[in-house]
């Protein structure tokens, strides 16, 4: 009875991979860090507030009549953040900072007014 050396090598390699899988099963390479988890939450909240500011600006532009400036308030950003992202409380300064950033990025000085700078 002759055995094919390629086939035996294939089976041996497969068994080695299965054994390695049992040894390293479920091991996390980087354990969960409280600092990294908190940083991720802060980044997500900041990103969501910027999106809320974008949505509030777009909504104000849709509401504005032809020839009138769109009026976007910090309260609009807070409302959108609560409705879309489920935040129970958004600090005024947090929402105002997000609105200022998106206001300038969207070149809103031409057709919008806001209370985020006061």
C-alpha atoms as a PDB file:
ATOM      1  CA  UNK A   1       0.000   0.000   0.000  1.00  0.00           C
ATOM      2  CA  UNK A   2       1.597   3.271  -1.154  1.00  0.00           C
ATOM      3  CA  UNK A   3       0.779   6.629   0.433  1.00  0.00           C
ATOM      4  CA  UNK A   4       0.978   9.882  -1.452  1.00  0.00           C
ATOM      5  CA  UNK A   5       3.470  12.217   0.353  1.00  0.00           C
ATOM      6  CA  UNK A   6       1.525  15.322  -0.786  1.00  0.00           C
ATOM      7  CA  UNK A   7      -1.700  13.992   0.659  1.00  0.00           C
ATOM      8  CA  UNK A   8      -0.076  13.118   3.977  1.00  0.00           C
ATOM      9  CA  UNK A   9       1.495  16.577   4.145  1.00  0.00           C
ATOM     10  CA  UNK A  10      -1.908  18.155   3.432  1.00  0.00           C
ATOM     11  CA  UNK A  11      -3.554  16.136   6.229  1.00  0.00           C
ATOM     12  CA  UNK A  12      -0.717  16.903   8.670  1.00  0.00           C
ATOM     13  CA  UNK A  13      -0.983  20.622   7.911  1.00  0.00           C
ATOM     14  CA  UNK A  14      -4.746  20.500   8.431  1.00  0.00           C
ATOM     15  CA  UNK A  15      -4.358  18.754  11.784  1.00  0.00           C
ATOM     16  CA  UNK A  16      -1.758  21.346  12.842  1.00  0.00           C
ATOM     17  CA  UNK A  17      -4.165  24.182  11.983  1.00  0.00           C
ATOM     18  CA  UNK A  18      -6.987  22.515  13.896  1.00  0.00           C
ATOM     19  CA  UNK A  19      -4.708  22.072  16.926  1.00  0.00           C
ATOM     20  CA  UNK A  20      -3.637  25.711  16.724  1.00  0.00           C
ATOM     21  CA  UNK A  21      -7.278  26.730  16.584  1.00  0.00           C
ATOM     22  CA  UNK A  22      -8.020  24.838  19.778  1.00  0.00           C
ATOM     23  CA  UNK A  23      -5.056  26.422  21.553  1.00  0.00           C
ATOM     24  CA  UNK A  24      -5.812  30.018  20.508  1.00  0.00           C
ATOM     25  CA  UNK A  25      -9.597  29.661  20.497  1.00  0.00           C
ATOM     26  CA  UNK A  26     -11.361  32.870  21.417  1.00  0.00           C
ATOM     27  CA  UNK A  27      -8.300  34.654  22.750  1.00  0.00           C
ATOM     28  CA  UNK A  28      -8.517  38.419  22.284  1.00  0.00           C
ATOM     29  CA  UNK A  29      -5.344  39.960  20.963  1.00  0.00           C
ATOM     30  CA  UNK A  30      -5.932  43.302  22.686  1.00  0.00           C
ATOM     31  CA  UNK A  31      -7.999  43.123  25.859  1.00  0.00           C
ATOM     32  CA  UNK A  32     -10.793  45.665  26.257  1.00  0.00           C
ATOM     33  CA  UNK A  33      -9.487  48.832  27.808  1.00  0.00           C
ATOM     34  CA  UNK A  34     -11.690  51.235  29.692  1.00  0.00           C
ATOM     35  CA  UNK A  35      -9.774  54.206  28.286  1.00  0.00           C
ATOM     36  CA  UNK A  36     -10.171  52.993  24.696  1.00  0.00           C
ATOM     37  CA  UNK A  37     -13.874  52.318  25.235  1.00  0.00           C
ATOM     38  CA  UNK A  38     -14.403  55.818  26.647  1.00  0.00           C
ATOM     39  CA  UNK A  39     -12.421  57.383  23.804  1.00  0.00           C
ATOM     40  CA  UNK A  40     -14.583  55.494  21.291  1.00  0.00           C
ATOM     41  CA  UNK A  41     -17.758  56.781  22.961  1.00  0.00           C
ATOM     42  CA  UNK A  42     -16.454  60.353  22.863  1.00  0.00           C
ATOM     43  CA  UNK A  43     -15.507  60.056  19.172  1.00  0.00           C
ATOM     44  CA  UNK A  44     -18.910  58.589  18.325  1.00  0.00           C
ATOM     45  CA  UNK A  45     -20.762  61.328  20.211  1.00  0.00           C
ATOM     46  CA  UNK A  46     -18.711  64.025  18.486  1.00  0.00           C
ATOM     47  CA  UNK A  47     -19.356  62.464  15.072  1.00  0.00           C
ATOM     48  CA  UNK A  48     -23.088  62.212  15.809  1.00  0.00           C
ATOM     49  CA  UNK A  49     -23.253  65.855  16.913  1.00  0.00           C
ATOM     50  CA  UNK A  50     -21.558  66.933  13.679  1.00  0.00           C
ATOM     51  CA  UNK A  51     -24.097  64.907  11.711  1.00  0.00           C
ATOM     52  CA  UNK A  52     -26.884  66.474  13.757  1.00  0.00           C
ATOM     53  CA  UNK A  53     -25.560  69.923  12.880  1.00  0.00           C
ATOM     54  CA  UNK A  54     -25.496  68.983   9.189  1.00  0.00           C
ATOM     55  CA  UNK A  55     -29.090  67.756   9.390  1.00  0.00           C
ATOM     56  CA  UNK A  56     -30.208  70.900  11.236  1.00  0.00           C
ATOM     57  CA  UNK A  57     -28.560  73.121   8.601  1.00  0.00           C
ATOM     58  CA  UNK A  58     -30.182  71.168   5.768  1.00  0.00           C
ATOM     59  CA  UNK A  59     -33.574  71.323   7.482  1.00  0.00           C
ATOM     60  CA  UNK A  60     -33.271  75.093   8.043  1.00  0.00           C
ATOM     61  CA  UNK A  61     -32.347  75.617   4.395  1.00  0.00           C
ATOM     62  CA  UNK A  62     -35.420  73.651   3.308  1.00  0.00           C
ATOM     63  CA  UNK A  63     -37.653  75.676   5.630  1.00  0.00           C
ATOM     64  CA  UNK A  64     -36.326  79.066   4.513  1.00  0.00           C
ATOM     65  CA  UNK A  65     -38.360  80.966   1.959  1.00  0.00           C
ATOM     66  CA  UNK A  66     -36.774  82.060  -1.297  1.00  0.00           C
ATOM     67  CA  UNK A  67     -34.481  85.013  -0.701  1.00  0.00           C
ATOM     68  CA  UNK A  68     -34.513  84.681   3.087  1.00  0.00           C
ATOM     69  CA  UNK A  69     -31.583  83.390   5.140  1.00  0.00           C
ATOM     70  CA  UNK A  70     -31.900  80.018   6.838  1.00  0.00           C
ATOM     71  CA  UNK A  71     -31.927  80.312  10.616  1.00  0.00           C
ATOM     72  CA  UNK A  72     -30.152  77.475  12.436  1.00  0.00           C
ATOM     73  CA  UNK A  73     -30.109  77.459  16.216  1.00  0.00           C
ATOM     74  CA  UNK A  74     -28.209  75.427  18.755  1.00  0.00           C
ATOM     75  CA  UNK A  75     -31.578  74.193  19.966  1.00  0.00           C
ATOM     76  CA  UNK A  76     -32.198  72.708  16.500  1.00  0.00           C
ATOM     77  CA  UNK A  77     -28.960  70.718  16.735  1.00  0.00           C
ATOM     78  CA  UNK A  78     -29.896  69.525  20.228  1.00  0.00           C
ATOM     79  CA  UNK A  79     -33.355  68.476  19.034  1.00  0.00           C
ATOM     80  CA  UNK A  80     -31.966  66.552  16.052  1.00  0.00           C
ATOM     81  CA  UNK A  81     -29.358  64.835  18.243  1.00  0.00           C
ATOM     82  CA  UNK A  82     -32.047  63.756  20.701  1.00  0.00           C
ATOM     83  CA  UNK A  83     -34.436  62.538  18.008  1.00  0.00           C
ATOM     84  CA  UNK A  84     -32.003  60.769  15.697  1.00  0.00           C
ATOM     85  CA  UNK A  85     -29.359  59.498  18.110  1.00  0.00           C
ATOM     86  CA  UNK A  86     -31.358  59.119  21.313  1.00  0.00           C
ATOM     87  CA  UNK A  87     -29.273  61.413  23.486  1.00  0.00           C
ATOM     88  CA  UNK A  88     -31.166  62.426  26.578  1.00  0.00           C
ATOM     89  CA  UNK A  89     -29.082  65.534  27.173  1.00  0.00           C
ATOM     90  CA  UNK A  90     -26.723  67.546  24.987  1.00  0.00           C
ATOM     91  CA  UNK A  91     -24.872  70.460  26.517  1.00  0.00           C
ATOM     92  CA  UNK A  92     -25.349  73.774  24.776  1.00  0.00           C
ATOM     93  CA  UNK A  93     -21.605  74.327  24.382  1.00  0.00           C
ATOM     94  CA  UNK A  94     -21.186  70.894  22.802  1.00  0.00           C
ATOM     95  CA  UNK A  95     -23.954  71.507  20.284  1.00  0.00           C
ATOM     96  CA  UNK A  96     -22.758  75.057  19.601  1.00  0.00           C
ATOM     97  CA  UNK A  97     -19.208  73.839  18.877  1.00  0.00           C
ATOM     98  CA  UNK A  98     -20.524  71.242  16.427  1.00  0.00           C
ATOM     99  CA  UNK A  99     -22.774  73.815  14.752  1.00  0.00           C
ATOM    100  CA  UNK A 100     -19.925  76.346  14.440  1.00  0.00           C
ATOM    101  CA  UNK A 101     -17.683  73.735  12.836  1.00  0.00           C
ATOM    102  CA  UNK A 102     -20.288  72.549  10.309  1.00  0.00           C
ATOM    103  CA  UNK A 103     -21.534  76.122   9.702  1.00  0.00           C
ATOM    104  CA  UNK A 104     -18.077  77.176   8.571  1.00  0.00           C
ATOM    105  CA  UNK A 105     -17.439  73.955   6.620  1.00  0.00           C
ATOM    106  CA  UNK A 106     -20.733  74.283   4.714  1.00  0.00           C
ATOM    107  CA  UNK A 107     -20.049  77.962   3.855  1.00  0.00           C
ATOM    108  CA  UNK A 108     -23.256  79.030   5.568  1.00  0.00           C
ATOM    109  CA  UNK A 109     -22.250  82.675   6.014  1.00  0.00           C
ATOM    110  CA  UNK A 110     -23.791  83.318   2.604  1.00  0.00           C
ATOM    111  CA  UNK A 111     -27.318  82.075   3.264  1.00  0.00           C
ATOM    112  CA  UNK A 112     -27.632  81.176   6.980  1.00  0.00           C
ATOM    113  CA  UNK A 113     -27.800  82.799  10.400  1.00  0.00           C
ATOM    114  CA  UNK A 114     -27.021  81.105  13.705  1.00  0.00           C
ATOM    115  CA  UNK A 115     -26.750  81.753  17.409  1.00  0.00           C
ATOM    116  CA  UNK A 116     -23.794  79.382  17.835  1.00  0.00           C
ATOM    117  CA  UNK A 117     -21.254  82.211  17.935  1.00  0.00           C
ATOM    118  CA  UNK A 118     -22.896  84.136  20.780  1.00  0.00           C
END
